[in-house]
Amino acid sequence: MSNVDADRPDLTGRSGGDALTRLYDAHARDLHRYLTRRLDPVSADDLVAETFLVAWERRAHYDPTRGAARAWLFGIATTLLRRNSRLEARALRAMAEQAGRAEVSEQEDTASVARVDAGRTARSLTAGLAALRPEERDVLLLVAWASLRPVEIATALDLDVRTVRTRLHRARTKLRTALGREGQP
């Protein structure tokens, strides 16, 4: 099977189950990593399983001419995540609390100062992510954590690529502001 066939499998034929198994083997780890960054590990486990269940149920709707199966799977996962937005909000709050626990003793050393600075940045970043509109956050995190290109995100989320680029630009601008780096790239 060629690379193109491997990433754009025929899920509707007699070998559809085998093809979905190969997709699971190829992409479940990346999906889990992406979802774990947005949720807790247990919720990420559940969402990965649900993603492949939905993929199986909707396999007849997968169109390999529209894009790679990886983008399709990330689109399913992101849609499921959006439906469970309370999970992500709780995870963002937990990340902010975790970042806020960094303290420095009176005998500050370089590593302690770096940890405190990183904690402040993490709190600002987490607050910035939480303040984004969900559709902006989805696009930004699909680029940052799933390494999808805008054209793949457009396919995954059934959007025009210009819409994806606009949302990405807005999200980056808002995060720069939240991090106090308005003038930096």
N, C-alpha and C. Protein backbone atom coordinates (compact mmCIF):
# COMPACT_ATOMS: atom_id res chain seq x y z
N MET A 1 0.85 -1.18 0.00
CA MET A 1 0.00 0.00 0.00
C MET A 1 0.89 1.24 0.00
N SER A 2 0.60 2.19 -0.86
CA SER A 2 1.40 3.42 -0.92
C SER A 2 1.08 4.33 0.25
N ASN A 3 1.93 5.34 0.46
CA ASN A 3 1.68 6.30 1.54
C ASN A 3 0.36 7.02 1.35
N VAL A 4 0.04 7.37 0.08
CA VAL A 4 -1.23 8.06 -0.18
C VAL A 4 -2.39 7.16 0.19
N ASP A 5 -2.31 5.87 -0.19
CA ASP A 5 -3.38 4.93 0.15
C ASP A 5 -3.47 4.74 1.66
N ALA A 6 -2.32 4.74 2.34
CA ALA A 6 -2.31 4.52 3.78
C ALA A 6 -2.98 5.67 4.52
N ASP A 7 -2.82 6.90 4.04
CA ASP A 7 -3.40 8.03 4.73
C ASP A 7 -4.75 8.44 4.16
N ARG A 8 -5.15 7.81 3.09
CA ARG A 8 -6.47 8.06 2.49
C ARG A 8 -7.12 6.72 2.18
N PRO A 9 -7.37 5.94 3.22
CA PRO A 9 -7.84 4.57 3.01
C PRO A 9 -9.30 4.49 2.55
N ASP A 10 -9.63 3.34 1.98
CA ASP A 10 -11.02 3.07 1.65
C ASP A 10 -11.65 2.43 2.88
N LEU A 11 -12.48 3.18 3.58
CA LEU A 11 -13.09 2.70 4.82
C LEU A 11 -14.43 2.01 4.58
N THR A 12 -14.90 2.05 3.36
CA THR A 12 -16.25 1.53 3.09
C THR A 12 -16.26 0.10 2.55
N GLY A 13 -15.16 -0.37 2.03
CA GLY A 13 -15.11 -1.70 1.43
C GLY A 13 -15.05 -2.80 2.47
N ARG A 14 -14.82 -4.01 1.98
CA ARG A 14 -14.75 -5.17 2.86
C ARG A 14 -13.62 -5.06 3.86
N SER A 15 -12.58 -4.35 3.49
CA SER A 15 -11.42 -4.21 4.39
C SER A 15 -11.49 -2.93 5.21
N GLY A 16 -12.68 -2.33 5.32
CA GLY A 16 -12.83 -1.09 6.08
C GLY A 16 -12.41 -1.20 7.53
N GLY A 17 -12.72 -2.32 8.16
CA GLY A 17 -12.32 -2.53 9.55
C GLY A 17 -10.82 -2.60 9.70
N ASP A 18 -10.17 -3.29 8.75
CA ASP A 18 -8.70 -3.36 8.78
C ASP A 18 -8.09 -1.98 8.55
N ALA A 19 -8.68 -1.23 7.64
CA ALA A 19 -8.18 0.12 7.35
C ALA A 19 -8.31 1.00 8.59
N LEU A 20 -9.43 0.90 9.30
CA LEU A 20 -9.61 1.70 10.50
C LEU A 20 -8.61 1.28 11.59
N THR A 21 -8.34 -0.01 11.67
CA THR A 21 -7.33 -0.49 12.62
C THR A 21 -5.96 0.10 12.30
N ARG A 22 -5.60 0.15 11.01
CA ARG A 22 -4.33 0.75 10.62
C ARG A 22 -4.31 2.24 10.95
N LEU A 23 -5.47 2.92 10.76
CA LEU A 23 -5.54 4.34 11.13
C LEU A 23 -5.35 4.51 12.63
N TYR A 24 -5.96 3.63 13.40
CA TYR A 24 -5.80 3.69 14.85
C TYR A 24 -4.32 3.54 15.21
N ASP A 25 -3.68 2.52 14.64
CA ASP A 25 -2.27 2.28 14.92
C ASP A 25 -1.41 3.48 14.52
N ALA A 26 -1.76 4.13 13.42
CA ALA A 26 -0.96 5.24 12.91
C ALA A 26 -1.21 6.56 13.64
N HIS A 27 -2.43 6.78 14.14
CA HIS A 27 -2.78 8.12 14.62
C HIS A 27 -3.29 8.22 16.06
N ALA A 28 -3.58 7.12 16.71
CA ALA A 28 -4.14 7.19 18.07
C ALA A 28 -3.20 7.88 19.04
N ARG A 29 -1.91 7.61 18.93
CA ARG A 29 -0.94 8.22 19.85
C ARG A 29 -0.92 9.74 19.68
N ASP A 30 -0.91 10.22 18.42
CA ASP A 30 -0.91 11.66 18.17
C ASP A 30 -2.20 12.31 18.65
N LEU A 31 -3.33 11.63 18.40
CA LEU A 31 -4.61 12.15 18.89
C LEU A 31 -4.60 12.25 20.41
N HIS A 32 -4.10 11.21 21.05
CA HIS A 32 -4.07 11.20 22.52
C HIS A 32 -3.18 12.32 23.05
N ARG A 33 -2.04 12.52 22.43
CA ARG A 33 -1.12 13.59 22.86
C ARG A 33 -1.82 14.95 22.74
N TYR A 34 -2.48 15.18 21.61
CA TYR A 34 -3.21 16.44 21.38
C TYR A 34 -4.30 16.62 22.43
N LEU A 35 -5.08 15.58 22.67
CA LEU A 35 -6.20 15.69 23.61
C LEU A 35 -5.71 15.79 25.06
N THR A 36 -4.61 15.13 25.39
CA THR A 36 -4.07 15.22 26.75
C THR A 36 -3.60 16.63 27.06
N ARG A 37 -3.12 17.32 26.03
CA ARG A 37 -2.72 18.72 26.25
C ARG A 37 -3.92 19.61 26.51
N ARG A 38 -5.08 19.20 26.03
CA ARG A 38 -6.28 20.01 26.20
C ARG A 38 -7.16 19.52 27.34
N LEU A 39 -6.95 18.29 27.78
CA LEU A 39 -7.77 17.68 28.83
C LEU A 39 -6.87 16.91 29.79
N ASP A 40 -7.50 16.22 30.71
CA ASP A 40 -6.75 15.31 31.57
C ASP A 40 -6.58 13.98 30.83
N PRO A 41 -5.61 13.15 31.23
CA PRO A 41 -5.33 11.91 30.50
C PRO A 41 -6.52 10.94 30.42
N VAL A 42 -7.29 10.82 31.48
CA VAL A 42 -8.43 9.90 31.45
C VAL A 42 -9.49 10.37 30.45
N SER A 43 -9.79 11.66 30.47
CA SER A 43 -10.75 12.20 29.50
C SER A 43 -10.21 12.06 28.07
N ALA A 44 -8.90 12.24 27.92
CA ALA A 44 -8.28 12.07 26.60
C ALA A 44 -8.43 10.63 26.12
N ASP A 45 -8.23 9.66 27.02
CA ASP A 45 -8.44 8.25 26.66
C ASP A 45 -9.85 8.03 26.13
N ASP A 46 -10.81 8.56 26.87
CA ASP A 46 -12.22 8.40 26.47
C ASP A 46 -12.49 9.05 25.12
N LEU A 47 -11.94 10.23 24.91
CA LEU A 47 -12.20 10.96 23.67
C LEU A 47 -11.52 10.30 22.47
N VAL A 48 -10.35 9.71 22.66
CA VAL A 48 -9.71 8.97 21.56
C VAL A 48 -10.60 7.79 21.18
N ALA A 49 -11.07 7.05 22.17
CA ALA A 49 -11.94 5.91 21.88
C ALA A 49 -13.21 6.38 21.17
N GLU A 50 -13.80 7.47 21.65
CA GLU A 50 -15.01 7.99 21.04
C GLU A 50 -14.74 8.48 19.61
N THR A 51 -13.56 9.06 19.39
CA THR A 51 -13.19 9.52 18.05
C THR A 51 -13.21 8.36 17.05
N PHE A 52 -12.62 7.24 17.44
CA PHE A 52 -12.58 6.10 16.52
C PHE A 52 -13.95 5.43 16.40
N LEU A 53 -14.76 5.49 17.43
CA LEU A 53 -16.13 4.99 17.32
C LEU A 53 -16.91 5.83 16.31
N VAL A 54 -16.81 7.14 16.42
CA VAL A 54 -17.49 8.03 15.47
C VAL A 54 -16.93 7.82 14.06
N ALA A 55 -15.61 7.65 13.95
CA ALA A 55 -15.00 7.40 12.64
C ALA A 55 -15.59 6.13 12.02
N TRP A 56 -15.75 5.10 12.82
CA TRP A 56 -16.34 3.85 12.31
C TRP A 56 -17.79 4.07 11.89
N GLU A 57 -18.54 4.77 12.73
CA GLU A 57 -19.95 5.01 12.41
C GLU A 57 -20.12 5.89 11.19
N ARG A 58 -19.18 6.81 10.96
CA ARG A 58 -19.28 7.77 9.85
C ARG A 58 -18.34 7.42 8.69
N ARG A 59 -17.84 6.21 8.67
CA ARG A 59 -16.86 5.83 7.66
C ARG A 59 -17.38 6.01 6.24
N ALA A 60 -18.67 5.86 6.04
CA ALA A 60 -19.24 6.05 4.70
C ALA A 60 -19.18 7.50 4.25
N HIS A 61 -19.03 8.42 5.19
CA HIS A 61 -18.97 9.85 4.87
C HIS A 61 -17.55 10.35 4.65
N TYR A 62 -16.56 9.50 4.95
CA TYR A 62 -15.17 9.92 4.74
C TYR A 62 -14.89 9.95 3.24
N ASP A 63 -14.38 11.08 2.79
CA ASP A 63 -14.06 11.26 1.38
C ASP A 63 -12.55 11.46 1.24
N PRO A 64 -11.82 10.44 0.79
CA PRO A 64 -10.36 10.56 0.70
C PRO A 64 -9.90 11.64 -0.27
N THR A 65 -10.76 12.08 -1.16
CA THR A 65 -10.36 13.14 -2.10
C THR A 65 -10.31 14.50 -1.41
N ARG A 66 -10.95 14.63 -0.25
CA ARG A 66 -10.97 15.92 0.46
C ARG A 66 -9.76 16.12 1.35
N GLY A 67 -9.05 15.06 1.66
CA GLY A 67 -7.87 15.21 2.50
C GLY A 67 -7.52 13.93 3.21
N ALA A 68 -6.41 14.01 3.93
CA ALA A 68 -5.88 12.85 4.63
C ALA A 68 -6.77 12.45 5.80
N ALA A 69 -6.74 11.18 6.10
CA ALA A 69 -7.53 10.65 7.20
C ALA A 69 -7.11 11.24 8.54
N ARG A 70 -5.84 11.57 8.69
CA ARG A 70 -5.35 12.16 9.95
C ARG A 70 -6.12 13.44 10.26
N ALA A 71 -6.26 14.31 9.27
CA ALA A 71 -6.99 15.56 9.48
C ALA A 71 -8.45 15.27 9.81
N TRP A 72 -9.05 14.30 9.13
CA TRP A 72 -10.43 13.91 9.39
C TRP A 72 -10.59 13.46 10.85
N LEU A 73 -9.65 12.65 11.33
CA LEU A 73 -9.71 12.17 12.72
C LEU A 73 -9.56 13.31 13.72
N PHE A 74 -8.63 14.23 13.45
CA PHE A 74 -8.47 15.38 14.34
C PHE A 74 -9.71 16.26 14.32
N GLY A 75 -10.36 16.34 13.17
CA GLY A 75 -11.61 17.09 13.09
C GLY A 75 -12.69 16.48 13.95
N ILE A 76 -12.81 15.15 13.89
CA ILE A 76 -13.79 14.45 14.74
C ILE A 76 -13.47 14.70 16.22
N ALA A 77 -12.20 14.54 16.58
CA ALA A 77 -11.79 14.72 17.98
C ALA A 77 -12.07 16.14 18.46
N THR A 78 -11.79 17.13 17.61
CA THR A 78 -12.01 18.53 18.00
C THR A 78 -13.50 18.82 18.14
N THR A 79 -14.30 18.25 17.26
CA THR A 79 -15.75 18.43 17.37
C THR A 79 -16.27 17.81 18.66
N LEU A 80 -15.80 16.62 18.98
CA LEU A 80 -16.21 15.97 20.24
C LEU A 80 -15.75 16.78 21.44
N LEU A 81 -14.53 17.30 21.36
CA LEU A 81 -14.00 18.13 22.44
C LEU A 81 -14.86 19.37 22.63
N ARG A 82 -15.25 20.00 21.55
CA ARG A 82 -16.07 21.20 21.64
C ARG A 82 -17.42 20.88 22.30
N ARG A 83 -17.95 19.71 22.02
CA ARG A 83 -19.21 19.31 22.65
C ARG A 83 -19.05 19.09 24.14
N ASN A 84 -17.83 18.79 24.55
CA ASN A 84 -17.51 18.58 25.97
C ASN A 84 -16.67 19.72 26.49
N SER A 85 -17.04 20.95 26.18
CA SER A 85 -16.21 22.11 26.51
C SER A 85 -15.98 22.27 28.00
N ARG A 86 -16.86 21.75 28.83
CA ARG A 86 -16.66 21.83 30.28
C ARG A 86 -15.38 21.09 30.69
N LEU A 87 -15.09 19.98 29.99
CA LEU A 87 -13.87 19.23 30.29
C LEU A 87 -12.63 20.09 30.04
N GLU A 88 -12.62 20.79 28.91
CA GLU A 88 -11.47 21.61 28.59
C GLU A 88 -11.37 22.80 29.53
N ALA A 89 -12.48 23.41 29.89
CA ALA A 89 -12.45 24.54 30.81
C ALA A 89 -11.88 24.10 32.16
N ARG A 90 -12.27 22.94 32.61
CA ARG A 90 -11.75 22.41 33.88
C ARG A 90 -10.25 22.14 33.77
N ALA A 91 -9.82 21.59 32.63
CA ALA A 91 -8.39 21.31 32.42
C ALA A 91 -7.58 22.60 32.39
N LEU A 92 -8.11 23.64 31.75
CA LEU A 92 -7.40 24.92 31.70
C LEU A 92 -7.27 25.53 33.10
N ARG A 93 -8.33 25.41 33.90
CA ARG A 93 -8.26 25.91 35.28
C ARG A 93 -7.21 25.14 36.08
N ALA A 94 -7.16 23.82 35.89
CA ALA A 94 -6.18 23.00 36.60
C ALA A 94 -4.75 23.36 36.19
N MET A 95 -4.56 23.61 34.89
CA MET A 95 -3.22 24.01 34.43
C MET A 95 -2.81 25.34 35.05
N ALA A 96 -3.75 26.28 35.14
CA ALA A 96 -3.45 27.59 35.72
C ALA A 96 -3.10 27.45 37.20
N GLU A 97 -3.84 26.59 37.92
CA GLU A 97 -3.55 26.38 39.34
C GLU A 97 -2.18 25.74 39.52
N GLN A 98 -1.89 24.76 38.66
CA GLN A 98 -0.59 24.08 38.73
C GLN A 98 0.54 25.08 38.50
N ALA A 99 0.38 25.94 37.52
CA ALA A 99 1.41 26.94 37.23
C ALA A 99 1.54 27.94 38.37
N GLY A 100 0.46 28.19 39.09
CA GLY A 100 0.47 29.16 40.17
C GLY A 100 1.14 28.66 41.44
N ARG A 101 1.45 27.39 41.50
CA ARG A 101 2.04 26.82 42.71
C ARG A 101 3.54 27.04 42.83
N ALA A 102 4.16 27.54 41.79
CA ALA A 102 5.61 27.76 41.83
C ALA A 102 5.91 28.91 42.77
N GLU A 103 6.73 28.65 43.75
CA GLU A 103 7.13 29.68 44.70
C GLU A 103 8.65 29.69 44.81
N VAL A 104 9.17 30.81 45.26
CA VAL A 104 10.61 30.96 45.40
C VAL A 104 10.91 31.25 46.87
N SER A 105 11.92 30.58 47.38
CA SER A 105 12.34 30.86 48.74
C SER A 105 13.13 32.17 48.74
N GLU A 106 13.52 32.61 49.92
CA GLU A 106 14.28 33.86 50.00
C GLU A 106 15.65 33.72 49.35
N GLN A 107 16.16 32.50 49.29
CA GLN A 107 17.45 32.28 48.64
C GLN A 107 17.18 31.82 47.20
N GLU A 108 16.83 32.79 46.41
CA GLU A 108 16.50 32.48 45.03
C GLU A 108 17.75 32.08 44.26
N ASP A 109 17.63 31.01 43.52
CA ASP A 109 18.71 30.68 42.60
C ASP A 109 18.17 30.82 41.18
N THR A 110 19.03 30.68 40.23
CA THR A 110 18.65 30.89 38.84
C THR A 110 17.53 29.94 38.41
N ALA A 111 17.62 28.70 38.82
CA ALA A 111 16.60 27.72 38.43
C ALA A 111 15.25 28.08 39.03
N SER A 112 15.24 28.55 40.27
CA SER A 112 13.99 28.93 40.91
C SER A 112 13.35 30.12 40.21
N VAL A 113 14.16 31.09 39.87
CA VAL A 113 13.65 32.26 39.17
C VAL A 113 13.07 31.85 37.82
N ALA A 114 13.78 30.96 37.13
CA ALA A 114 13.30 30.48 35.83
C ALA A 114 11.98 29.75 35.99
N ARG A 115 11.82 28.95 37.06
CA ARG A 115 10.56 28.24 37.29
C ARG A 115 9.42 29.21 37.57
N VAL A 116 9.70 30.24 38.34
CA VAL A 116 8.67 31.23 38.64
C VAL A 116 8.28 31.97 37.36
N ASP A 117 9.27 32.37 36.56
CA ASP A 117 8.97 33.03 35.29
C ASP A 117 8.15 32.12 34.38
N ALA A 118 8.54 30.86 34.33
CA ALA A 118 7.79 29.91 33.51
C ALA A 118 6.37 29.74 34.03
N GLY A 119 6.23 29.74 35.36
CA GLY A 119 4.89 29.63 35.94
C GLY A 119 4.02 30.82 35.59
N ARG A 120 4.62 32.01 35.64
CA ARG A 120 3.86 33.22 35.27
C ARG A 120 3.45 33.17 33.80
N THR A 121 4.38 32.75 32.96
CA THR A 121 4.08 32.64 31.53
C THR A 121 3.00 31.59 31.30
N ALA A 122 3.11 30.47 32.00
CA ALA A 122 2.10 29.42 31.85
C ALA A 122 0.73 29.91 32.28
N ARG A 123 0.67 30.67 33.38
CA ARG A 123 -0.62 31.22 33.83
C ARG A 123 -1.18 32.18 32.79
N SER A 124 -0.32 33.05 32.24
CA SER A 124 -0.77 34.00 31.22
C SER A 124 -1.22 33.26 29.97
N LEU A 125 -0.46 32.24 29.58
CA LEU A 125 -0.82 31.47 28.39
C LEU A 125 -2.14 30.73 28.61
N THR A 126 -2.29 30.11 29.76
CA THR A 126 -3.52 29.39 30.07
C THR A 126 -4.71 30.34 30.09
N ALA A 127 -4.54 31.50 30.72
CA ALA A 127 -5.62 32.49 30.74
C ALA A 127 -5.93 32.97 29.33
N GLY A 128 -4.87 33.18 28.54
CA GLY A 128 -5.08 33.60 27.15
C GLY A 128 -5.82 32.56 26.34
N LEU A 129 -5.46 31.29 26.51
CA LEU A 129 -6.17 30.21 25.81
C LEU A 129 -7.62 30.14 26.25
N ALA A 130 -7.85 30.26 27.54
CA ALA A 130 -9.22 30.19 28.06
C ALA A 130 -10.07 31.35 27.54
N ALA A 131 -9.43 32.51 27.28
CA ALA A 131 -10.18 33.68 26.83
C ALA A 131 -10.51 33.63 25.33
N LEU A 132 -9.83 32.76 24.60
CA LEU A 132 -10.12 32.66 23.16
C LEU A 132 -11.51 32.08 22.93
N ARG A 133 -12.13 32.49 21.84
CA ARG A 133 -13.36 31.83 21.43
C ARG A 133 -13.02 30.38 21.11
N PRO A 134 -13.89 29.43 21.40
CA PRO A 134 -13.57 28.01 21.17
C PRO A 134 -13.08 27.72 19.75
N GLU A 135 -13.68 28.35 18.75
CA GLU A 135 -13.27 28.08 17.37
C GLU A 135 -11.87 28.64 17.07
N GLU A 136 -11.48 29.70 17.75
CA GLU A 136 -10.11 30.23 17.61
C GLU A 136 -9.12 29.30 18.31
N ARG A 137 -9.49 28.86 19.52
CA ARG A 137 -8.64 27.96 20.28
C ARG A 137 -8.44 26.64 19.53
N ASP A 138 -9.52 26.12 18.93
CA ASP A 138 -9.41 24.87 18.17
C ASP A 138 -8.39 24.99 17.05
N VAL A 139 -8.48 26.05 16.27
CA VAL A 139 -7.58 26.25 15.13
C VAL A 139 -6.14 26.40 15.63
N LEU A 140 -5.94 27.24 16.62
CA LEU A 140 -4.59 27.47 17.14
C LEU A 140 -3.97 26.18 17.67
N LEU A 141 -4.72 25.42 18.43
CA LEU A 141 -4.16 24.22 19.03
C LEU A 141 -4.00 23.08 18.03
N LEU A 142 -4.81 23.07 16.99
CA LEU A 142 -4.58 22.08 15.92
C LEU A 142 -3.27 22.37 15.19
N VAL A 143 -2.93 23.64 15.06
CA VAL A 143 -1.63 24.00 14.46
C VAL A 143 -0.50 23.68 15.44
N ALA A 144 -0.65 24.15 16.68
CA ALA A 144 0.44 24.05 17.66
C ALA A 144 0.66 22.63 18.18
N TRP A 145 -0.40 21.92 18.46
CA TRP A 145 -0.26 20.63 19.13
C TRP A 145 -0.52 19.43 18.24
N ALA A 146 -1.18 19.62 17.11
CA ALA A 146 -1.42 18.50 16.21
C ALA A 146 -0.60 18.64 14.92
N SER A 147 0.09 19.77 14.79
CA SER A 147 0.93 20.04 13.61
C SER A 147 0.15 19.96 12.30
N LEU A 148 -1.11 20.37 12.34
CA LEU A 148 -1.89 20.41 11.10
C LEU A 148 -1.67 21.75 10.42
N ARG A 149 -1.66 21.74 9.10
CA ARG A 149 -1.55 22.96 8.31
C ARG A 149 -2.96 23.55 8.15
N PRO A 150 -3.06 24.85 7.87
CA PRO A 150 -4.38 25.47 7.72
C PRO A 150 -5.28 24.75 6.72
N VAL A 151 -4.73 24.27 5.62
CA VAL A 151 -5.56 23.57 4.63
C VAL A 151 -6.10 22.26 5.22
N GLU A 152 -5.31 21.59 6.07
CA GLU A 152 -5.79 20.36 6.71
C GLU A 152 -6.86 20.68 7.75
N ILE A 153 -6.67 21.77 8.47
CA ILE A 153 -7.67 22.18 9.47
C ILE A 153 -8.97 22.54 8.78
N ALA A 154 -8.87 23.22 7.64
CA ALA A 154 -10.07 23.57 6.87
C ALA A 154 -10.84 22.31 6.51
N THR A 155 -10.14 21.29 6.07
CA THR A 155 -10.78 20.02 5.74
C THR A 155 -11.36 19.37 6.98
N ALA A 156 -10.57 19.34 8.05
CA ALA A 156 -10.99 18.68 9.28
C ALA A 156 -12.24 19.30 9.89
N LEU A 157 -12.32 20.62 9.84
CA LEU A 157 -13.44 21.32 10.49
C LEU A 157 -14.50 21.79 9.50
N ASP A 158 -14.32 21.42 8.24
CA ASP A 158 -15.26 21.79 7.19
C ASP A 158 -15.42 23.31 7.10
N LEU A 159 -14.28 23.98 6.98
CA LEU A 159 -14.24 25.44 6.89
C LEU A 159 -13.48 25.85 5.63
N ASP A 160 -13.66 27.07 5.23
CA ASP A 160 -12.85 27.64 4.17
C ASP A 160 -11.47 27.92 4.75
N VAL A 161 -10.42 27.71 3.97
CA VAL A 161 -9.06 27.90 4.46
C VAL A 161 -8.83 29.35 4.88
N ARG A 162 -9.50 30.31 4.23
CA ARG A 162 -9.35 31.72 4.64
C ARG A 162 -9.92 31.94 6.03
N THR A 163 -11.00 31.25 6.35
CA THR A 163 -11.58 31.34 7.70
C THR A 163 -10.59 30.80 8.72
N VAL A 164 -9.96 29.69 8.40
CA VAL A 164 -8.96 29.11 9.30
C VAL A 164 -7.83 30.08 9.53
N ARG A 165 -7.32 30.67 8.47
CA ARG A 165 -6.19 31.61 8.60
C ARG A 165 -6.59 32.85 9.41
N THR A 166 -7.81 33.32 9.22
CA THR A 166 -8.29 34.48 9.99
C THR A 166 -8.38 34.13 11.47
N ARG A 167 -8.97 32.97 11.78
CA ARG A 167 -9.08 32.55 13.18
C ARG A 167 -7.70 32.36 13.81
N LEU A 168 -6.79 31.80 13.05
CA LEU A 168 -5.44 31.59 13.55
C LEU A 168 -4.76 32.93 13.83
N HIS A 169 -4.90 33.87 12.93
CA HIS A 169 -4.32 35.20 13.12
C HIS A 169 -4.90 35.87 14.38
N ARG A 170 -6.22 35.82 14.51
CA ARG A 170 -6.86 36.42 15.69
C ARG A 170 -6.40 35.77 16.98
N ALA A 171 -6.32 34.44 16.97
CA ALA A 171 -5.90 33.72 18.17
C ALA A 171 -4.47 34.09 18.56
N ARG A 172 -3.59 34.14 17.57
CA ARG A 172 -2.20 34.50 17.86
C ARG A 172 -2.09 35.92 18.38
N THR A 173 -2.85 36.84 17.80
CA THR A 173 -2.84 38.23 18.24
C THR A 173 -3.31 38.33 19.69
N LYS A 174 -4.39 37.64 20.02
CA LYS A 174 -4.92 37.68 21.39
C LYS A 174 -3.92 37.07 22.38
N LEU A 175 -3.26 35.99 21.98
CA LEU A 175 -2.28 35.39 22.88
C LEU A 175 -1.06 36.29 23.09
N ARG A 176 -0.62 36.92 22.02
CA ARG A 176 0.51 37.88 22.18
C ARG A 176 0.14 38.95 23.19
N THR A 177 -1.07 39.45 23.08
CA THR A 177 -1.54 40.49 24.01
C THR A 177 -1.58 39.93 25.43
N ALA A 178 -2.12 38.73 25.58
CA ALA A 178 -2.21 38.11 26.91
C ALA A 178 -0.83 37.88 27.52
N LEU A 179 0.14 37.62 26.67
CA LEU A 179 1.51 37.39 27.16
C LEU A 179 2.31 38.67 27.27
N GLY A 180 1.67 39.80 26.91
CA GLY A 180 2.35 41.08 27.01
C GLY A 180 3.41 41.29 25.95
N ARG A 181 3.20 40.68 24.80
CA ARG A 181 4.19 40.77 23.73
C ARG A 181 3.55 41.29 22.45
N GLU A 182 2.79 42.32 22.56
CA GLU A 182 2.05 42.82 21.41
C GLU A 182 2.91 43.09 20.19
N GLY A 183 4.10 43.61 20.38
CA GLY A 183 4.92 43.98 19.24
C GLY A 183 5.80 42.85 18.71
N GLN A 184 5.80 41.68 19.35
CA GLN A 184 6.67 40.59 18.93
C GLN A 184 5.92 39.63 18.03
N PRO A 185 6.65 38.85 17.19
CA PRO A 185 6.00 37.90 16.28
C PRO A 185 5.32 36.76 16.98
